[in-house]
PDB file of N, CA and C in Angstrom:
ATOM      1  N   MET A   1     -19.188  -1.082  18.119  1.00  0.00           N
ATOM      2  CA  MET A   1     -18.055  -0.236  18.732  1.00  0.00           C
ATOM      3  C   MET A   1     -17.087  -1.579  19.596  1.00  0.00           C
ATOM      4  N   THR A   2     -15.837  -0.933  19.871  1.00  0.00           N
ATOM      5  CA  THR A   2     -15.013  -1.498  20.459  1.00  0.00           C
ATOM      6  C   THR A   2     -15.084  -1.047  22.101  1.00  0.00           C
ATOM      7  N   ALA A   3     -14.554  -1.561  23.288  1.00  0.00           N
ATOM      8  CA  ALA A   3     -14.188  -0.829  24.158  1.00  0.00           C
ATOM      9  C   ALA A   3     -13.605  -0.337  24.506  1.00  0.00           C
ATOM     10  N   TRP A   4     -12.588  -0.120  23.470  1.00  0.00           N
ATOM     11  CA  TRP A   4     -11.172   0.978  23.586  1.00  0.00           C
ATOM     12  C   TRP A   4     -11.915   2.338  22.886  1.00  0.00           C
ATOM     13  N   LEU A   5     -12.713   2.417  21.765  1.00  0.00           N
ATOM     14  CA  LEU A   5     -13.504   3.204  21.315  1.00  0.00           C
ATOM     15  C   LEU A   5     -14.358   4.071  22.556  1.00  0.00           C
ATOM     16  N   ILE A   6     -14.970   3.061  23.159  1.00  0.00           N
ATOM     17  CA  ILE A   6     -15.942   3.816  23.571  1.00  0.00           C
ATOM     18  C   ILE A   6     -15.555   4.277  25.006  1.00  0.00           C
ATOM     19  N   LEU A   7     -14.258   3.682  25.844  1.00  0.00           N
ATOM     20  CA  LEU A   7     -13.642   4.512  26.539  1.00  0.00           C
ATOM     21  C   LEU A   7     -13.374   5.837  26.140  1.00  0.00           C
ATOM     22  N   PHE A   8     -12.708   6.055  24.680  1.00  0.00           N
ATOM     23  CA  PHE A   8     -11.880   7.017  24.352  1.00  0.00           C
ATOM     24  C   PHE A   8     -13.276   8.404  23.933  1.00  0.00           C
ATOM     25  N   LEU A   9     -14.463   7.854  23.624  1.00  0.00           N
ATOM     26  CA  LEU A   9     -15.734   8.448  23.948  1.00  0.00           C
ATOM     27  C   LEU A   9     -16.200   9.057  25.643  1.00  0.00           C
ATOM     28  N   ALA A  10     -15.920   7.835  26.394  1.00  0.00           N
ATOM     29  CA  ALA A  10     -16.017   8.486  27.911  1.00  0.00           C
ATOM     30  C   ALA A  10     -15.286   9.519  28.056  1.00  0.00           C
ATOM     31  N   GLY A  11     -13.872   9.607  27.695  1.00  0.00           N
ATOM     32  CA  GLY A  11     -12.867  10.543  28.360  1.00  0.00           C
ATOM     33  C   GLY A  11     -13.319  11.704  27.383  1.00  0.00           C
ATOM     34  N   LEU A  12     -13.802  12.101  25.922  1.00  0.00           N
ATOM     35  CA  LEU A  12     -14.306  13.137  25.753  1.00  0.00           C
ATOM     36  C   LEU A  12     -15.426  13.899  26.062  1.00  0.00           C
ATOM     37  N   PHE A  13     -16.394  12.750  26.684  1.00  0.00           N
ATOM     38  CA  PHE A  13     -17.316  13.357  27.397  1.00  0.00           C
ATOM     39  C   PHE A  13     -16.854  13.874  28.805  1.00  0.00           C
ATOM     40  N   GLU A  14     -15.546  13.400  29.178  1.00  0.00           N
ATOM     41  CA  GLU A  14     -15.184  14.048  30.469  1.00  0.00           C
ATOM     42  C   GLU A  14     -14.740  15.189  30.264  1.00  0.00           C
ATOM     43  N   VAL A  15     -14.231  15.915  29.299  1.00  0.00           N
ATOM     44  CA  VAL A  15     -13.696  17.235  29.068  1.00  0.00           C
ATOM     45  C   VAL A  15     -15.032  18.210  28.606  1.00  0.00           C
ATOM     46  N   VAL A  16     -16.257  17.209  27.810  1.00  0.00           N
ATOM     47  CA  VAL A  16     -16.938  18.173  27.557  1.00  0.00           C
ATOM     48  C   VAL A  16     -17.861  18.745  28.848  1.00  0.00           C
ATOM     49  N   TRP A  17     -17.580  17.732  30.094  1.00  0.00           N
ATOM     50  CA  TRP A  17     -18.429  18.178  31.232  1.00  0.00           C
ATOM     51  C   TRP A  17     -17.554  19.097  31.800  1.00  0.00           C
ATOM     52  N   ALA A  18     -16.144  18.799  32.134  1.00  0.00           N
ATOM     53  CA  ALA A  18     -15.413  19.630  33.009  1.00  0.00           C
ATOM     54  C   ALA A  18     -15.282  21.089  32.320  1.00  0.00           C
ATOM     55  N   CYS A  19     -15.345  21.199  31.265  1.00  0.00           N
ATOM     56  CA  CYS A  19     -15.129  22.707  30.280  1.00  0.00           C
ATOM     57  C   CYS A  19     -16.321  23.405  30.265  1.00  0.00           C
ATOM     58  N   ALA A  20     -17.502  23.098  30.687  1.00  0.00           N
ATOM     59  CA  ALA A  20     -18.971  23.526  30.457  1.00  0.00           C
ATOM     60  C   ALA A  20     -18.986  23.869  32.273  1.00  0.00           C
ATOM     61  N   MET A  21     -18.612  23.263  32.917  1.00  0.00           N
ATOM     62  CA  MET A  21     -18.882  23.649  34.195  1.00  0.00           C
ATOM     63  C   MET A  21     -18.276  24.957  34.487  1.00  0.00           C
ATOM     64  N   LYS A  22     -16.913  25.042  33.847  1.00  0.00           N
ATOM     65  CA  LYS A  22     -16.337  26.219  33.958  1.00  0.00           C
ATOM     66  C   LYS A  22     -17.235  27.252  33.495  1.00  0.00           C
ATOM     67  N   TYR A  23     -18.215  27.110  31.939  1.00  0.00           N
ATOM     68  CA  TYR A  23     -18.411  28.392  31.526  1.00  0.00           C
ATOM     69  C   TYR A  23     -19.980  28.360  32.459  1.00  0.00           C
ATOM     70  N   SER A  24     -20.200  27.127  33.115  1.00  0.00           N
ATOM     71  CA  SER A  24     -21.804  27.730  33.897  1.00  0.00           C
ATOM     72  C   SER A  24     -21.428  28.760  35.340  1.00  0.00           C
ATOM     73  N   ARG A  25     -20.051  29.197  35.305  1.00  0.00           N
ATOM     74  CA  ARG A  25     -19.804  30.190  36.227  1.00  0.00           C
ATOM     75  C   ARG A  25     -20.552  29.536  37.605  1.00  0.00           C
ATOM     76  N   GLY A  26     -20.322  28.102  38.067  1.00  0.00           N
ATOM     77  CA  GLY A  26     -20.660  28.031  39.291  1.00  0.00           C
ATOM     78  C   GLY A  26     -22.430  27.510  39.468  1.00  0.00           C
ATOM     79  N   PHE A  27     -22.353  27.046  37.851  1.00  0.00           N
ATOM     80  CA  PHE A  27     -24.027  26.454  38.161  1.00  0.00           C
ATOM     81  C   PHE A  27     -24.875  27.968  37.921  1.00  0.00           C
ATOM     82  N   THR A  28     -24.396  29.041  37.764  1.00  0.00           N
ATOM     83  CA  THR A  28     -25.578  30.193  37.240  1.00  0.00           C
ATOM     84  C   THR A  28     -25.586  30.525  36.247  1.00  0.00           C
ATOM     85  N   GLU A  29     -25.282  29.402  35.479  1.00  0.00           N
ATOM     86  CA  GLU A  29     -25.988  29.638  34.163  1.00  0.00           C
ATOM     87  C   GLU A  29     -26.323  28.180  33.708  1.00  0.00           C
ATOM     88  N   TRP A  30     -27.484  28.427  33.022  1.00  0.00           N
ATOM     89  CA  TRP A  30     -28.428  27.440  32.950  1.00  0.00           C
ATOM     90  C   TRP A  30     -27.632  26.529  31.815  1.00  0.00           C
ATOM     91  N   ILE A  31     -27.431  27.009  30.780  1.00  0.00           N
ATOM     92  CA  ILE A  31     -27.257  26.123  29.591  1.00  0.00           C
ATOM     93  C   ILE A  31     -25.910  25.106  29.838  1.00  0.00           C
ATOM     94  N   PRO A  32     -24.913  26.372  30.094  1.00  0.00           N
ATOM     95  CA  PRO A  32     -23.913  25.168  30.423  1.00  0.00           C
ATOM     96  C   PRO A  32     -23.703  24.000  31.500  1.00  0.00           C
ATOM     97  N   ALA A  33     -24.336  24.787  32.651  1.00  0.00           N
ATOM     98  CA  ALA A  33     -24.445  23.547  33.942  1.00  0.00           C
ATOM     99  C   ALA A  33     -25.130  22.301  33.428  1.00  0.00           C
ATOM    100  N   ALA A  34     -26.402  22.720  32.297  1.00  0.00           N
ATOM    101  CA  ALA A  34     -27.118  21.361  31.688  1.00  0.00           C
ATOM    102  C   ALA A  34     -26.498  20.356  30.941  1.00  0.00           C
ATOM    103  N   VAL A  35     -25.456  21.269  30.394  1.00  0.00           N
ATOM    104  CA  VAL A  35     -24.399  20.417  29.307  1.00  0.00           C
ATOM    105  C   VAL A  35     -23.485  19.958  30.350  1.00  0.00           C
ATOM    106  N   THR A  36     -22.890  20.112  31.467  1.00  0.00           N
ATOM    107  CA  THR A  36     -22.431  19.812  32.638  1.00  0.00           C
ATOM    108  C   THR A  36     -23.100  18.267  33.298  1.00  0.00           C
ATOM    109  N   VAL A  37     -24.455  18.450  33.770  1.00  0.00           N
ATOM    110  CA  VAL A  37     -24.738  17.321  34.019  1.00  0.00           C
ATOM    111  C   VAL A  37     -24.894  16.186  33.020  1.00  0.00           C
ATOM    112  N   ILE A  38     -25.614  16.661  31.975  1.00  0.00           N
ATOM    113  CA  ILE A  38     -25.298  15.599  30.857  1.00  0.00           C
ATOM    114  C   ILE A  38     -24.215  15.009  29.953  1.00  0.00           C
ATOM    115  N   GLY A  39     -23.111  16.140  30.389  1.00  0.00           N
ATOM    116  CA  GLY A  39     -21.980  15.533  29.793  1.00  0.00           C
ATOM    117  C   GLY A  39     -21.415  14.323  30.619  1.00  0.00           C
ATOM    118  N   GLY A  40     -21.166  14.478  32.298  1.00  0.00           N
ATOM    119  CA  GLY A  40     -21.283  13.629  32.909  1.00  0.00           C
ATOM    120  C   GLY A  40     -21.687  12.509  33.113  1.00  0.00           C
ATOM    121  N   ILE A  41     -23.046  12.374  32.932  1.00  0.00           N
ATOM    122  CA  ILE A  41     -24.241  11.266  33.073  1.00  0.00           C
ATOM    123  C   ILE A  41     -23.572  10.483  31.977  1.00  0.00           C
ATOM    124  N   LEU A  42     -23.348  10.685  30.589  1.00  0.00           N
ATOM    125  CA  LEU A  42     -22.974  10.146  29.636  1.00  0.00           C
ATOM    126  C   LEU A  42     -21.163   9.765  29.645  1.00  0.00           C
ATOM    127  N   SER A  43     -20.487  10.410  30.269  1.00  0.00           N
ATOM    128  CA  SER A  43     -19.098  10.283  30.588  1.00  0.00           C
ATOM    129  C   SER A  43     -19.602   8.781  31.492  1.00  0.00           C
ATOM    130  N   MET A  44     -19.969   8.809  32.458  1.00  0.00           N
ATOM    131  CA  MET A  44     -20.081   8.065  33.527  1.00  0.00           C
ATOM    132  C   MET A  44     -20.495   6.431  32.411  1.00  0.00           C
ATOM    133  N   PHE A  45     -21.201   6.351  31.619  1.00  0.00           N
ATOM    134  CA  PHE A  45     -22.119   5.707  30.894  1.00  0.00           C
ATOM    135  C   PHE A  45     -21.465   4.893  30.041  1.00  0.00           C
ATOM    136  N   LEU A  46     -20.517   5.631  29.365  1.00  0.00           N
ATOM    137  CA  LEU A  46     -19.528   5.024  28.769  1.00  0.00           C
ATOM    138  C   LEU A  46     -18.548   4.359  29.169  1.00  0.00           C
ATOM    139  N   LEU A  47     -18.113   5.131  30.627  1.00  0.00           N
ATOM    140  CA  LEU A  47     -17.116   3.870  30.957  1.00  0.00           C
ATOM    141  C   LEU A  47     -17.670   2.782  31.463  1.00  0.00           C
ATOM    142  N   ALA A  48     -18.591   2.706  32.140  1.00  0.00           N
ATOM    143  CA  ALA A  48     -19.118   1.487  32.827  1.00  0.00           C
ATOM    144  C   ALA A  48     -19.374   0.562  31.255  1.00  0.00           C
ATOM    145  N   LEU A  49     -19.824   1.068  30.484  1.00  0.00           N
ATOM    146  CA  LEU A  49     -19.966   0.236  29.258  1.00  0.00           C
ATOM    147  C   LEU A  49     -18.257  -0.401  29.012  1.00  0.00           C
ATOM    148  N   ALA A  50     -17.558   0.137  29.022  1.00  0.00           N
ATOM    149  CA  ALA A  50     -15.948   0.143  28.409  1.00  0.00           C
ATOM    150  C   ALA A  50     -15.495  -0.934  29.685  1.00  0.00           C
ATOM    151  N   MET A  51     -16.271  -0.580  30.871  1.00  0.00           N
ATOM    152  CA  MET A  51     -15.459  -1.511  31.513  1.00  0.00           C
ATOM    153  C   MET A  51     -15.927  -3.191  31.982  1.00  0.00           C
ATOM    154  N   LYS A  52     -16.727  -3.255  30.811  1.00  0.00           N
ATOM    155  CA  LYS A  52     -17.503  -4.714  30.890  1.00  0.00           C
ATOM    156  C   LYS A  52     -16.319  -5.558  30.314  1.00  0.00           C
ATOM    157  N   ARG A  53     -15.223  -4.675  29.446  1.00  0.00           N
ATOM    158  CA  ARG A  53     -14.731  -5.385  28.604  1.00  0.00           C
ATOM    159  C   ARG A  53     -13.090  -4.816  28.685  1.00  0.00           C
ATOM    160  N   ILE A  54     -12.442  -4.073  29.845  1.00  0.00           N
ATOM    161  CA  ILE A  54     -11.565  -3.554  29.712  1.00  0.00           C
ATOM    162  C   ILE A  54     -11.408  -3.206  31.664  1.00  0.00           C
ATOM    163  N   PRO A  55     -10.082  -3.965  31.914  1.00  0.00           N
ATOM    164  CA  PRO A  55      -9.888  -4.016  33.481  1.00  0.00           C
ATOM    165  C   PRO A  55     -10.050  -2.930  34.113  1.00  0.00           C
ATOM    166  N   LEU A  56     -10.638  -2.444  35.214  1.00  0.00           N
ATOM    167  CA  LEU A  56     -11.112  -1.516  35.896  1.00  0.00           C
ATOM    168  C   LEU A  56     -10.108  -0.373  36.128  1.00  0.00           C
ATOM    169  N   GLY A  57      -8.819  -1.020  37.070  1.00  0.00           N
ATOM    170  CA  GLY A  57      -8.134  -0.180  36.992  1.00  0.00           C
ATOM    171  C   GLY A  57      -7.351   0.362  35.802  1.00  0.00           C
ATOM    172  N   THR A  58      -6.957  -0.080  34.716  1.00  0.00           N
ATOM    173  CA  THR A  58      -6.891   0.375  33.181  1.00  0.00           C
ATOM    174  C   THR A  58      -7.883   1.359  32.384  1.00  0.00           C
ATOM    175  N   ALA A  59      -9.010   1.026  32.547  1.00  0.00           N
ATOM    176  CA  ALA A  59     -10.203   1.701  32.265  1.00  0.00           C
ATOM    177  C   ALA A  59     -10.085   3.471  33.131  1.00  0.00           C
ATOM    178  N   TYR A  60     -10.422   3.156  34.179  1.00  0.00           N
ATOM    179  CA  TYR A  60     -10.373   4.547  34.896  1.00  0.00           C
ATOM    180  C   TYR A  60      -9.365   4.986  34.478  1.00  0.00           C
ATOM    181  N   ALA A  61      -7.838   4.563  34.821  1.00  0.00           N
ATOM    182  CA  ALA A  61      -6.655   5.628  35.014  1.00  0.00           C
ATOM    183  C   ALA A  61      -6.945   6.216  33.556  1.00  0.00           C
ATOM    184  N   VAL A  62      -7.221   5.275  32.128  1.00  0.00           N
ATOM    185  CA  VAL A  62      -7.010   5.890  30.717  1.00  0.00           C
ATOM    186  C   VAL A  62      -8.079   6.970  30.149  1.00  0.00           C
ATOM    187  N   TRP A  63      -9.558   6.811  31.350  1.00  0.00           N
ATOM    188  CA  TRP A  63     -10.704   7.717  30.959  1.00  0.00           C
ATOM    189  C   TRP A  63      -9.893   8.955  31.786  1.00  0.00           C
ATOM    190  N   THR A  64      -9.591   8.759  33.380  1.00  0.00           N
ATOM    191  CA  THR A  64      -8.730   9.997  34.102  1.00  0.00           C
ATOM    192  C   THR A  64      -7.713  10.985  33.485  1.00  0.00           C
ATOM    193  N   GLY A  65      -6.834  10.070  32.861  1.00  0.00           N
ATOM    194  CA  GLY A  65      -5.819  10.545  31.988  1.00  0.00           C
ATOM    195  C   GLY A  65      -6.420  11.459  30.821  1.00  0.00           C
ATOM    196  N   LEU A  66      -6.991  10.819  30.071  1.00  0.00           N
ATOM    197  CA  LEU A  66      -7.913  11.457  28.482  1.00  0.00           C
ATOM    198  C   LEU A  66      -8.463  13.124  29.170  1.00  0.00           C
ATOM    199  N   GLY A  67      -9.166  12.974  30.147  1.00  0.00           N
ATOM    200  CA  GLY A  67      -9.989  13.396  31.102  1.00  0.00           C
ATOM    201  C   GLY A  67      -9.238  14.589  31.403  1.00  0.00           C
ATOM    202  N   MET A  68      -8.207  14.775  31.914  1.00  0.00           N
ATOM    203  CA  MET A  68      -7.030  15.674  32.346  1.00  0.00           C
ATOM    204  C   MET A  68      -5.996  16.305  31.042  1.00  0.00           C
ATOM    205  N   ILE A  69      -6.126  15.352  29.965  1.00  0.00           N
ATOM    206  CA  ILE A  69      -4.945  15.721  28.994  1.00  0.00           C
ATOM    207  C   ILE A  69      -6.127  17.069  28.015  1.00  0.00           C
ATOM    208  N   GLY A  70      -7.268  16.738  28.196  1.00  0.00           N
ATOM    209  CA  GLY A  70      -8.140  17.162  27.476  1.00  0.00           C
ATOM    210  C   GLY A  70      -8.731  18.625  28.095  1.00  0.00           C
ATOM    211  N   THR A  71      -9.083  18.223  29.211  1.00  0.00           N
ATOM    212  CA  THR A  71      -9.171  19.598  29.815  1.00  0.00           C
ATOM    213  C   THR A  71      -7.915  20.415  30.111  1.00  0.00           C
ATOM    214  N   THR A  72      -6.894  20.193  30.156  1.00  0.00           N
ATOM    215  CA  THR A  72      -5.561  20.726  30.382  1.00  0.00           C
ATOM    216  C   THR A  72      -5.542  21.576  28.523  1.00  0.00           C
ATOM    217  N   LEU A  73      -5.338  21.193  27.689  1.00  0.00           N
ATOM    218  CA  LEU A  73      -5.878  21.457  26.725  1.00  0.00           C
ATOM    219  C   LEU A  73      -7.090  22.555  26.489  1.00  0.00           C
ATOM    220  N   GLY A  74      -8.254  21.895  26.936  1.00  0.00           N
ATOM    221  CA  GLY A  74      -9.258  22.639  27.044  1.00  0.00           C
ATOM    222  C   GLY A  74      -9.231  24.658  28.068  1.00  0.00           C
ATOM    223  N   GLY A  75      -8.698  24.314  29.021  1.00  0.00           N
ATOM    224  CA  GLY A  75      -7.717  25.119  29.877  1.00  0.00           C
ATOM    225  C   GLY A  75      -7.147  26.380  29.085  1.00  0.00           C
ATOM    226  N   VAL A  76      -6.054  26.327  28.116  1.00  0.00           N
ATOM    227  CA  VAL A  76      -5.029  26.898  27.640  1.00  0.00           C
ATOM    228  C   VAL A  76      -5.690  27.268  26.733  1.00  0.00           C
ATOM    229  N   LEU A  77      -6.807  26.176  25.597  1.00  0.00           N
ATOM    230  CA  LEU A  77      -7.247  27.124  24.548  1.00  0.00           C
ATOM    231  C   LEU A  77      -8.393  28.181  24.830  1.00  0.00           C
ATOM    232  N   LEU A  78      -9.166  27.523  25.461  1.00  0.00           N
ATOM    233  CA  LEU A  78     -10.443  28.019  26.244  1.00  0.00           C
ATOM    234  C   LEU A  78     -10.501  29.296  26.966  1.00  0.00           C
ATOM    235  N   PHE A  79      -9.797  28.871  27.669  1.00  0.00           N
ATOM    236  CA  PHE A  79      -9.659  29.821  28.916  1.00  0.00           C
ATOM    237  C   PHE A  79      -8.406  31.111  29.364  1.00  0.00           C
ATOM    238  N   ARG A  80      -7.949  30.531  28.441  1.00  0.00           N
ATOM    239  CA  ARG A  80      -6.062  31.205  28.332  1.00  0.00           C
ATOM    240  C   ARG A  80      -5.537  31.047  29.761  1.00  0.00           C
ATOM    241  N   GLU A  81      -5.382  29.545  29.930  1.00  0.00           N
ATOM    242  CA  GLU A  81      -4.673  29.271  31.271  1.00  0.00           C
ATOM    243  C   GLU A  81      -3.343  29.279  31.013  1.00  0.00           C
ATOM    244  N   ARG A  82      -2.344  29.213  31.926  1.00  0.00           N
ATOM    245  CA  ARG A  82      -0.744  29.276  31.684  1.00  0.00           C
ATOM    246  C   ARG A  82      -0.588  28.134  31.764  1.00  0.00           C
ATOM    247  N   PHE A  83       0.240  27.553  30.603  1.00  0.00           N
ATOM    248  CA  PHE A  83       1.225  26.277  30.228  1.00  0.00           C
ATOM    249  C   PHE A  83       2.467  26.570  29.783  1.00  0.00           C
ATOM    250  N   GLY A  84       3.433  26.093  30.739  1.00  0.00           N
ATOM    251  CA  GLY A  84       4.852  26.372  29.944  1.00  0.00           C
ATOM    252  C   GLY A  84       5.319  24.947  30.038  1.00  0.00           C
ATOM    253  N   PHE A  85       6.614  24.867  29.935  1.00  0.00           N
ATOM    254  CA  PHE A  85       7.226  23.643  29.763  1.00  0.00           C
ATOM    255  C   PHE A  85       6.953  22.517  30.624  1.00  0.00           C
ATOM    256  N   PRO A  86       7.160  22.959  32.285  1.00  0.00           N
ATOM    257  CA  PRO A  86       6.980  21.827  33.173  1.00  0.00           C
ATOM    258  C   PRO A  86       5.965  21.662  33.227  1.00  0.00           C
ATOM    259  N   HIS A  87       4.509  22.177  32.626  1.00  0.00           N
ATOM    260  CA  HIS A  87       3.048  21.254  32.483  1.00  0.00           C
ATOM    261  C   HIS A  87       2.726  20.199  31.092  1.00  0.00           C
ATOM    262  N   LEU A  88       4.125  20.565  30.316  1.00  0.00           N
ATOM    263  CA  LEU A  88       4.320  20.027  28.688  1.00  0.00           C
ATOM    264  C   LEU A  88       4.921  18.964  29.660  1.00  0.00           C
ATOM    265  N   VAL A  89       5.814  19.028  29.916  1.00  0.00           N
ATOM    266  CA  VAL A  89       6.876  17.372  30.769  1.00  0.00           C
ATOM    267  C   VAL A  89       5.496  16.395  31.475  1.00  0.00           C
ATOM    268  N   CYS A  90       4.701  17.049  32.342  1.00  0.00           N
ATOM    269  CA  CYS A  90       3.699  16.488  33.049  1.00  0.00           C
ATOM    270  C   CYS A  90       2.729  15.722  32.184  1.00  0.00           C
ATOM    271  N   VAL A  91       2.284  16.487  31.424  1.00  0.00           N
ATOM    272  CA  VAL A  91       0.870  15.696  30.322  1.00  0.00           C
ATOM    273  C   VAL A  91       1.815  15.005  29.702  1.00  0.00           C
ATOM    274  N   LEU A  92       3.239  15.258  29.341  1.00  0.00           N
ATOM    275  CA  LEU A  92       3.547  14.001  28.208  1.00  0.00           C
ATOM    276  C   LEU A  92       3.612  12.587  29.073  1.00  0.00           C
ATOM    277  N   LEU A  93       3.995  12.759  30.692  1.00  0.00           N
ATOM    278  CA  LEU A  93       4.352  11.687  31.318  1.00  0.00           C
ATOM    279  C   LEU A  93       2.592  11.116  31.144  1.00  0.00           C
ATOM    280  N   ILE A  94       1.340  11.794  31.587  1.00  0.00           N
ATOM    281  CA  ILE A  94       0.540  10.784  32.002  1.00  0.00           C
ATOM    282  C   ILE A  94       0.022  10.436  30.647  1.00  0.00           C
ATOM    283  N   ALA A  95       0.425  11.049  29.188  1.00  0.00           N
ATOM    284  CA  ALA A  95       0.230  10.008  28.139  1.00  0.00           C
ATOM    285  C   ALA A  95       1.117   9.061  27.626  1.00  0.00           C
ATOM    286  N   VAL A  96       2.238   9.205  28.055  1.00  0.00           N
ATOM    287  CA  VAL A  96       2.549   7.911  28.259  1.00  0.00           C
ATOM    288  C   VAL A  96       2.584   7.057  28.657  1.00  0.00           C
ATOM    289  N   GLY A  97       1.677   6.706  30.043  1.00  0.00           N
ATOM    290  CA  GLY A  97       1.429   6.042  31.027  1.00  0.00           C
ATOM    291  C   GLY A  97      -0.142   5.912  30.167  1.00  0.00           C
ATOM    292  N   ILE A  98      -0.773   6.387  29.784  1.00  0.00           N
ATOM    293  CA  ILE A  98      -2.195   6.063  28.974  1.00  0.00           C
ATOM    294  C   ILE A  98      -1.539   5.236  27.798  1.00  0.00           C
ATOM    295  N   VAL A  99      -0.921   5.664  27.358  1.00  0.00           N
ATOM    296  CA  VAL A  99      -0.345   4.771  26.028  1.00  0.00           C
ATOM    297  C   VAL A  99      -0.161   3.369  26.002  1.00  0.00           C
ATOM    298  N   GLY A 100       1.316   3.438  27.493  1.00  0.00           N
ATOM    299  CA  GLY A 100       1.329   2.113  28.224  1.00  0.00           C
ATOM    300  C   GLY A 100       0.324   1.212  28.512  1.00  0.00           C
ATOM    301  N   LEU A 101      -0.524   1.431  29.024  1.00  0.00           N
ATOM    302  CA  LEU A 101      -1.510   0.378  29.708  1.00  0.00           C
ATOM    303  C   LEU A 101      -2.467   0.403  28.791  1.00  0.00           C
ATOM    304  N   LYS A 102      -2.785   0.967  27.727  1.00  0.00           N
ATOM    305  CA  LYS A 102      -3.279   0.539  26.591  1.00  0.00           C
ATOM    306  C   LYS A 102      -2.517  -0.644  25.695  1.00  0.00           C
ATOM    307  N   LEU A 103      -1.306  -0.627  25.583  1.00  0.00           N
ATOM    308  CA  LEU A 103      -0.286  -1.801  24.861  1.00  0.00           C
ATOM    309  C   LEU A 103      -0.232  -2.707  26.095  1.00  0.00           C
ATOM    310  N   LEU A 104      -0.516  -2.661  27.342  1.00  0.00           N
ATOM    311  CA  LEU A 104      -0.545  -3.858  28.145  1.00  0.00           C
ATOM    312  C   LEU A 104      -1.685  -4.563  28.362  1.00  0.00           C
ATOM    313  N   THR A 105      -2.954  -4.076  28.201  1.00  0.00           N
ATOM    314  CA  THR A 105      -4.032  -4.083  28.445  1.00  0.00           C
ATOM    315  C   THR A 105      -4.903  -5.054  27.247  1.00  0.00           C
ATOM    316  N   LYS A 106      -5.106  -6.454  27.295  1.00  0.00           N
ATOM    317  CA  LYS A 106      -5.837  -6.893  26.733  1.00  0.00           C
ATOM    318  C   LYS A 106      -7.476  -6.680  26.913  1.00  0.00           C
ATOM    319  N   SER A 107      -8.432  -6.347  26.161  1.00  0.00           N
ATOM    320  CA  SER A 107      -9.968  -6.695  26.625  1.00  0.00           C
ATOM    321  C   SER A 107     -10.192  -7.779  26.732  1.00  0.00           C
ATOM    322  N   VAL A 108     -11.321  -8.001  27.096  1.00  0.00           N
ATOM    323  CA  VAL A 108     -11.886  -9.600  27.443  1.00  0.00           C
ATOM    324  C   VAL A 108     -12.414  -9.398  26.314  1.00  0.00           C
TER     325      VAL A 108
END
């Protein structure tokens, strides 16, 4: 598995744990709370693996960017959070930054 695919999976688990945390209602619901903890551990483990081949700054920026984009979508789709045109512009700017970092960074 390539480092970039591992990093993408780490970003997906970032979204899983963040959405599960919202479902946990402040860790009062034990199943979503457990998913939060397991998802967080998997996300950081995969991030650490990806960092073996991708520079720290790039890996961390992509990981947090994927998490932000995914949790924003999760908030809109799962929790009906507000999302207007200004939000879209900001998310697109972050997405452009992620793609730029991917294109500019060689993995080791």
